[in-house]
């Protein structure tokens, strides 16, 4: 019992440090910047110019906005946009393409903190964008081609706050800070549980046994055995939990920054149990197209994985 208590306390300490001292300050800055650009109308301008270029990939103006949200806010931010698309009459085919893109891209709440751990941020964003576009296109033209392409009148106006004066700017920053705090604190429970599970598996020898069994296969492909633990954590508990485990492994010298960068395409995205559950909560029609979207996201993640491996 004493050992379990020590594990829980250690996991809790690590989770709180990661959430409040790494995730929170980065999210405050990035969310404030994103919301100010949004309030100034700069994002509207950018979306209006990118949307016609990305339309062949099955993305509408709101789909482009969802891509910006996951890249610069968090994996949960596009949920509101997906809900908006559904309520404003976007077709099932466009919904599937947008959902696939979001599931295949790297989420800001993981990429920005992991940049502090050594993640090559520029290449990660580039490969994320490429993977997301591939996922959207293959879903729209292949996996989702039988979905309805009928759209009702689609209003793609982005409704947001205006920051025309000092008070407006301060209000936007305060709201962004509150949103960042909510994201950071909300990550603590999952981080604690994931780290406790990992430490228990280590203590009981479960990870060592699995690593021993799979190491020859991983070595044959010149892969780091630490990926076993990272992959289990990622696909069961989510990207934020994986980030916590990666932080611990790096601090303990059990993996390297090279492994972090090589595996970014495979490990940094919201296509996991927790992430998919959150994203399909956007609406009934969004949930109905998750299967073709998942197939498209798989292709996009494969492209990202190969890209990071080559880089």
Protein backbone atom coordinates (compact mmCIF):
# COMPACT_ATOMS: atom_id res chain seq x y z
CA UNK A 1 0.00 0.00 0.00
CA UNK A 2 2.86 2.36 0.82
CA UNK A 3 4.37 1.71 -2.60
CA UNK A 4 1.06 2.50 -4.34
CA UNK A 5 0.75 5.73 -2.34
CA UNK A 6 4.25 6.76 -3.40
CA UNK A 7 3.41 6.00 -7.03
CA UNK A 8 0.24 8.14 -6.86
CA UNK A 9 2.08 11.04 -5.21
CA UNK A 10 4.92 10.91 -7.73
CA UNK A 11 2.49 10.71 -10.65
CA UNK A 12 0.47 13.60 -9.25
CA UNK A 13 3.56 15.76 -8.83
CA UNK A 14 4.71 15.07 -12.39
CA UNK A 15 1.23 15.73 -13.82
CA UNK A 16 0.82 19.04 -12.00
CA UNK A 17 4.33 20.22 -12.98
CA UNK A 18 3.72 19.37 -16.64
CA UNK A 19 0.27 20.97 -16.73
CA UNK A 20 0.98 24.16 -14.78
CA UNK A 21 4.64 24.87 -15.59
CA UNK A 22 4.84 23.74 -19.24
CA UNK A 23 1.37 23.42 -20.77
CA UNK A 24 -0.29 26.44 -19.11
CA UNK A 25 2.18 29.25 -20.00
CA UNK A 26 2.51 28.04 -23.60
CA UNK A 27 -1.27 27.74 -24.04
CA UNK A 28 -1.86 31.21 -22.52
CA UNK A 29 0.49 32.83 -25.04
CA UNK A 30 -0.72 30.86 -28.07
CA UNK A 31 -4.42 31.16 -27.25
CA UNK A 32 -4.10 34.90 -26.63
CA UNK A 33 -2.34 35.33 -29.97
CA UNK A 34 -4.90 33.16 -31.78
CA UNK A 35 -7.88 34.96 -30.26
CA UNK A 36 -6.39 38.39 -31.00
CA UNK A 37 -5.81 37.44 -34.64
CA UNK A 38 -9.37 36.16 -34.71
CA UNK A 39 -10.77 39.35 -33.16
CA UNK A 40 -8.79 41.56 -35.54
CA UNK A 41 -10.24 39.73 -38.54
CA UNK A 42 -6.86 38.41 -39.69
CA UNK A 43 -8.04 34.79 -39.50
CA UNK A 44 -11.13 35.69 -41.55
CA UNK A 45 -8.82 37.14 -44.19
CA UNK A 46 -6.60 34.04 -44.16
CA UNK A 47 -9.50 31.59 -44.30
CA UNK A 48 -11.12 33.49 -47.19
CA UNK A 49 -7.95 33.11 -49.27
CA UNK A 50 -7.12 29.52 -48.36
CA UNK A 51 -10.62 28.10 -48.73
CA UNK A 52 -10.76 28.25 -52.59
CA UNK A 53 -7.34 26.57 -52.79
CA UNK A 54 -8.32 23.74 -50.44
CA UNK A 55 -11.83 23.18 -51.79
CA UNK A 56 -10.62 20.32 -54.08
CA UNK A 57 -9.47 18.46 -50.94
CA UNK A 58 -13.03 18.60 -49.58
CA UNK A 59 -12.47 21.49 -47.19
CA UNK A 60 -14.77 24.49 -46.85
CA UNK A 61 -13.95 27.81 -45.18
CA UNK A 62 -14.98 26.41 -41.81
CA UNK A 63 -12.84 23.33 -42.50
CA UNK A 64 -9.81 25.59 -42.97
CA UNK A 65 -10.66 27.32 -39.69
CA UNK A 66 -10.80 23.90 -37.96
CA UNK A 67 -7.28 23.20 -39.26
CA UNK A 68 -6.00 26.47 -37.80
CA UNK A 69 -7.72 25.68 -34.50
CA UNK A 70 -6.11 22.28 -34.01
CA UNK A 71 -2.71 23.62 -35.07
CA UNK A 72 -2.74 26.65 -32.79
CA UNK A 73 -5.32 26.06 -30.03
CA UNK A 74 -6.01 22.43 -29.02
CA UNK A 75 -7.50 19.18 -30.27
CA UNK A 76 -10.88 20.05 -28.69
CA UNK A 77 -11.17 23.48 -30.35
CA UNK A 78 -12.48 22.14 -33.71
CA UNK A 79 -15.46 20.53 -31.94
CA UNK A 80 -17.31 23.86 -31.97
CA UNK A 81 -16.48 24.33 -35.66
CA UNK A 82 -17.71 20.82 -36.53
CA UNK A 83 -20.94 21.55 -34.65
CA UNK A 84 -21.25 24.82 -36.57
CA UNK A 85 -20.71 23.04 -39.90
CA UNK A 86 -23.41 20.49 -39.08
CA UNK A 87 -25.94 23.11 -37.96
CA UNK A 88 -25.26 25.34 -40.96
CA UNK A 89 -25.94 22.62 -43.52
CA UNK A 90 -22.53 21.27 -44.57
CA UNK A 91 -22.80 17.97 -46.45
CA UNK A 92 -21.90 14.64 -44.84
CA UNK A 93 -19.05 14.34 -47.30
CA UNK A 94 -17.51 17.66 -46.24
CA UNK A 95 -18.05 16.80 -42.57
CA UNK A 96 -16.20 13.50 -43.02
CA UNK A 97 -13.29 15.20 -44.83
CA UNK A 98 -12.96 17.84 -42.10
CA UNK A 99 -13.18 15.27 -39.29
CA UNK A 100 -10.51 13.11 -40.97
CA UNK A 101 -8.22 16.12 -41.34
CA UNK A 102 -8.61 17.08 -37.67
CA UNK A 103 -7.94 13.50 -36.49
CA UNK A 104 -4.77 13.28 -38.60
CA UNK A 105 -3.19 16.61 -37.62
CA UNK A 106 -0.93 17.47 -34.69
CA UNK A 107 -2.76 19.20 -31.84
CA UNK A 108 -1.34 22.41 -30.39
CA UNK A 109 -1.83 21.36 -26.75
CA UNK A 110 0.84 18.68 -27.36
CA UNK A 111 3.12 20.15 -30.05
CA UNK A 112 3.83 23.45 -28.28
CA UNK A 113 4.79 21.92 -24.89
CA UNK A 114 6.79 19.17 -26.62
CA UNK A 115 8.71 21.85 -28.53
CA UNK A 116 10.15 22.70 -25.11
CA UNK A 117 11.25 19.05 -24.84
CA UNK A 118 13.09 19.14 -28.17
CA UNK A 119 10.42 18.62 -30.82
CA UNK A 120 11.38 20.22 -34.15
CA UNK A 121 8.38 22.52 -34.33
CA UNK A 122 8.60 23.69 -37.96
CA UNK A 123 8.87 20.22 -39.54
CA UNK A 124 6.16 18.94 -37.19
CA UNK A 125 3.71 21.63 -38.35
CA UNK A 126 4.62 21.09 -42.01
CA UNK A 127 4.10 17.32 -41.88
CA UNK A 128 0.91 17.85 -39.87
CA UNK A 129 -0.51 20.11 -42.59
CA UNK A 130 0.45 17.65 -45.33
CA UNK A 131 -1.02 14.70 -43.43
CA UNK A 132 -4.22 16.60 -42.71
CA UNK A 133 -4.71 17.57 -46.37
CA UNK A 134 -4.06 13.99 -47.50
CA UNK A 135 -6.56 12.68 -44.93
CA UNK A 136 -9.22 15.16 -46.06
CA UNK A 137 -8.68 14.51 -49.78
CA UNK A 138 -8.66 10.72 -49.53
CA UNK A 139 -11.77 10.78 -47.35
CA UNK A 140 -13.66 13.15 -49.66
CA UNK A 141 -12.71 11.38 -52.90
CA UNK A 142 -12.34 7.74 -51.80
CA UNK A 143 -13.65 6.60 -48.41
CA UNK A 144 -16.51 9.09 -48.26
CA UNK A 145 -17.45 9.25 -51.93
CA UNK A 146 -20.78 7.50 -51.26
CA UNK A 147 -21.78 9.96 -48.55
CA UNK A 148 -24.32 12.66 -49.28
CA UNK A 149 -22.88 15.67 -51.09
CA UNK A 150 -26.03 17.73 -50.64
CA UNK A 151 -25.61 21.03 -48.84
CA UNK A 152 -28.28 23.35 -47.60
CA UNK A 153 -27.56 27.07 -47.48
CA UNK A 154 -24.18 27.19 -45.79
CA UNK A 155 -23.29 30.25 -43.71
CA UNK A 156 -19.52 30.25 -43.23
CA UNK A 157 -19.34 33.56 -41.40
CA UNK A 158 -17.04 33.29 -38.37
CA UNK A 159 -18.70 34.94 -35.37
CA UNK A 160 -16.21 36.12 -32.74
CA UNK A 161 -15.33 38.99 -30.45
CA UNK A 162 -13.98 42.29 -31.74
CA UNK A 163 -10.84 43.92 -30.31
CA UNK A 164 -10.95 47.47 -31.65
CA UNK A 165 -9.78 49.20 -28.45
CA UNK A 166 -7.67 48.53 -25.35
CA UNK A 167 -10.64 47.23 -23.38
CA UNK A 168 -11.54 44.83 -26.18
CA UNK A 169 -7.96 43.55 -26.41
CA UNK A 170 -7.78 43.05 -22.63
CA UNK A 171 -11.10 41.21 -22.66
CA UNK A 172 -9.89 38.87 -25.42
CA UNK A 173 -6.63 38.15 -23.55
CA UNK A 174 -8.44 37.49 -20.26
CA UNK A 175 -10.86 35.10 -21.93
CA UNK A 176 -8.00 33.34 -23.72
CA UNK A 177 -6.16 32.99 -20.41
CA UNK A 178 -9.22 31.50 -18.76
CA UNK A 179 -9.60 29.08 -21.66
CA UNK A 180 -5.92 28.08 -21.41
CA UNK A 181 -6.26 27.51 -17.66
CA UNK A 182 -9.31 25.33 -18.23
CA UNK A 183 -7.45 23.22 -20.82
CA UNK A 184 -4.37 22.85 -18.61
CA UNK A 185 -6.23 21.97 -15.42
CA UNK A 186 -8.56 19.68 -17.33
CA UNK A 187 -5.55 17.66 -18.50
CA UNK A 188 -4.39 16.85 -14.95
CA UNK A 189 -6.79 13.94 -14.14
CA UNK A 190 -5.94 12.03 -17.33
CA UNK A 191 -2.24 12.73 -16.84
CA UNK A 192 -2.31 11.45 -13.26
CA UNK A 193 -4.21 8.27 -14.16
CA UNK A 194 -1.97 7.56 -17.15
CA UNK A 195 1.23 8.09 -15.16
CA UNK A 196 -0.08 5.93 -12.29
CA UNK A 197 -0.93 3.14 -14.75
CA UNK A 198 2.50 3.40 -16.36
CA UNK A 199 4.33 3.34 -13.03
CA UNK A 200 2.28 0.37 -11.82
CA UNK A 201 3.06 -1.53 -15.03
CA UNK A 202 6.72 -0.75 -14.55
CA UNK A 203 6.71 -1.81 -10.91
CA UNK A 204 4.92 -5.09 -11.62
CA UNK A 205 7.21 -5.90 -14.56
CA UNK A 206 4.49 -5.70 -17.21
CA UNK A 207 6.33 -3.15 -19.33
CA UNK A 208 9.63 -5.02 -19.01
CA UNK A 209 7.98 -8.26 -20.17
CA UNK A 210 6.32 -6.59 -23.16
CA UNK A 211 9.55 -4.77 -24.02
CA UNK A 212 11.54 -8.03 -23.85
CA UNK A 213 9.08 -9.75 -26.17
CA UNK A 214 8.92 -6.96 -28.74
CA UNK A 215 12.47 -5.56 -28.63
CA UNK A 216 13.89 -7.97 -31.27
CA UNK A 217 11.16 -6.90 -33.70
CA UNK A 218 11.73 -3.20 -32.96
CA UNK A 219 15.50 -3.57 -33.26
CA UNK A 220 15.04 -5.23 -36.67
CA UNK A 221 13.47 -1.97 -37.84
CA UNK A 222 15.91 0.20 -35.83
CA UNK A 223 13.15 1.44 -33.51
CA UNK A 224 13.47 2.58 -29.89
CA UNK A 225 11.85 0.07 -27.42
CA UNK A 226 10.51 3.09 -25.49
CA UNK A 227 7.91 3.37 -28.26
CA UNK A 228 6.06 0.41 -26.73
CA UNK A 229 5.13 2.33 -23.60
CA UNK A 230 4.52 5.57 -25.51
CA UNK A 231 2.22 3.87 -28.01
CA UNK A 232 0.18 2.10 -25.33
CA UNK A 233 -0.25 5.34 -23.42
CA UNK A 234 -1.08 7.38 -26.52
CA UNK A 235 -3.80 5.18 -27.99
CA UNK A 236 -5.44 4.36 -24.66
CA UNK A 237 -5.15 7.59 -22.66
CA UNK A 238 -4.54 10.22 -25.34
CA UNK A 239 -1.87 12.65 -26.55
CA UNK A 240 -1.57 14.69 -23.35
CA UNK A 241 -0.96 11.54 -21.32
CA UNK A 242 1.63 10.39 -23.85
CA UNK A 243 3.33 13.78 -23.49
CA UNK A 244 3.60 13.22 -19.74
CA UNK A 245 5.17 9.80 -20.24
CA UNK A 246 7.57 11.17 -22.87
CA UNK A 247 8.64 13.89 -20.44
CA UNK A 248 9.40 11.29 -17.78
CA UNK A 249 11.32 9.07 -20.21
CA UNK A 250 13.43 11.98 -21.43
CA UNK A 251 14.21 13.11 -17.88
CA UNK A 252 15.24 9.56 -16.92
CA UNK A 253 17.35 9.08 -20.05
CA UNK A 254 15.17 6.17 -21.23
CA UNK A 255 14.57 7.70 -24.65
CA UNK A 256 16.02 10.47 -26.79
CA UNK A 257 14.97 13.66 -28.57
CA UNK A 258 15.73 11.84 -31.83
CA UNK A 259 13.04 9.28 -30.98
CA UNK A 260 10.65 12.10 -30.06
CA UNK A 261 11.05 13.70 -33.49
CA UNK A 262 11.05 10.46 -35.47
CA UNK A 263 7.81 9.27 -33.83
CA UNK A 264 5.96 12.61 -33.87
CA UNK A 265 3.81 11.68 -36.88
CA UNK A 266 2.71 8.46 -35.24
CA UNK A 267 2.16 9.77 -31.72
CA UNK A 268 1.02 13.40 -31.98
CA UNK A 269 -2.58 13.56 -33.22
CA UNK A 270 -6.06 13.19 -31.63
CA UNK A 271 -6.84 9.86 -33.33
CA UNK A 272 -7.09 7.82 -30.13
CA UNK A 273 -9.87 6.58 -27.84
CA UNK A 274 -10.19 9.82 -25.88
CA UNK A 275 -9.70 12.13 -28.86
CA UNK A 276 -12.25 10.46 -31.13
CA UNK A 277 -14.81 10.39 -28.31
CA UNK A 278 -14.47 14.16 -27.87
CA UNK A 279 -14.54 14.99 -31.59
CA UNK A 280 -17.62 12.94 -32.48
CA UNK A 281 -19.51 14.61 -29.65
CA UNK A 282 -19.81 17.58 -32.02
CA UNK A 283 -23.11 16.32 -33.42
CA UNK A 284 -25.20 13.42 -34.68
CA UNK A 285 -24.10 13.71 -38.31
CA UNK A 286 -20.45 14.15 -37.32
CA UNK A 287 -20.63 10.92 -35.30
CA UNK A 288 -22.31 9.14 -38.23
CA UNK A 289 -19.36 9.75 -40.57
CA UNK A 290 -16.58 8.72 -38.20
CA UNK A 291 -15.79 5.44 -40.00
CA UNK A 292 -14.79 6.89 -43.41
CA UNK A 293 -13.11 9.76 -41.54
CA UNK A 294 -11.10 7.27 -39.47
CA UNK A 295 -9.91 5.48 -42.61
CA UNK A 296 -8.84 8.77 -44.14
CA UNK A 297 -7.13 9.83 -40.91
CA UNK A 298 -5.18 6.55 -40.90
CA UNK A 299 -3.80 7.35 -44.35
CA UNK A 300 -2.90 10.89 -43.26
CA UNK A 301 -1.12 9.62 -40.14
CA UNK A 302 0.78 7.06 -42.24
CA UNK A 303 1.98 9.87 -44.52
CA UNK A 304 3.08 11.89 -41.49
CA UNK A 305 4.84 8.86 -39.96
CA UNK A 306 6.81 8.22 -43.16
CA UNK A 307 7.61 11.92 -43.46
CA UNK A 308 9.02 12.19 -39.95
CA UNK A 309 10.92 8.96 -40.43
CA UNK A 310 12.61 10.36 -43.53
CA UNK A 311 13.30 13.73 -41.87
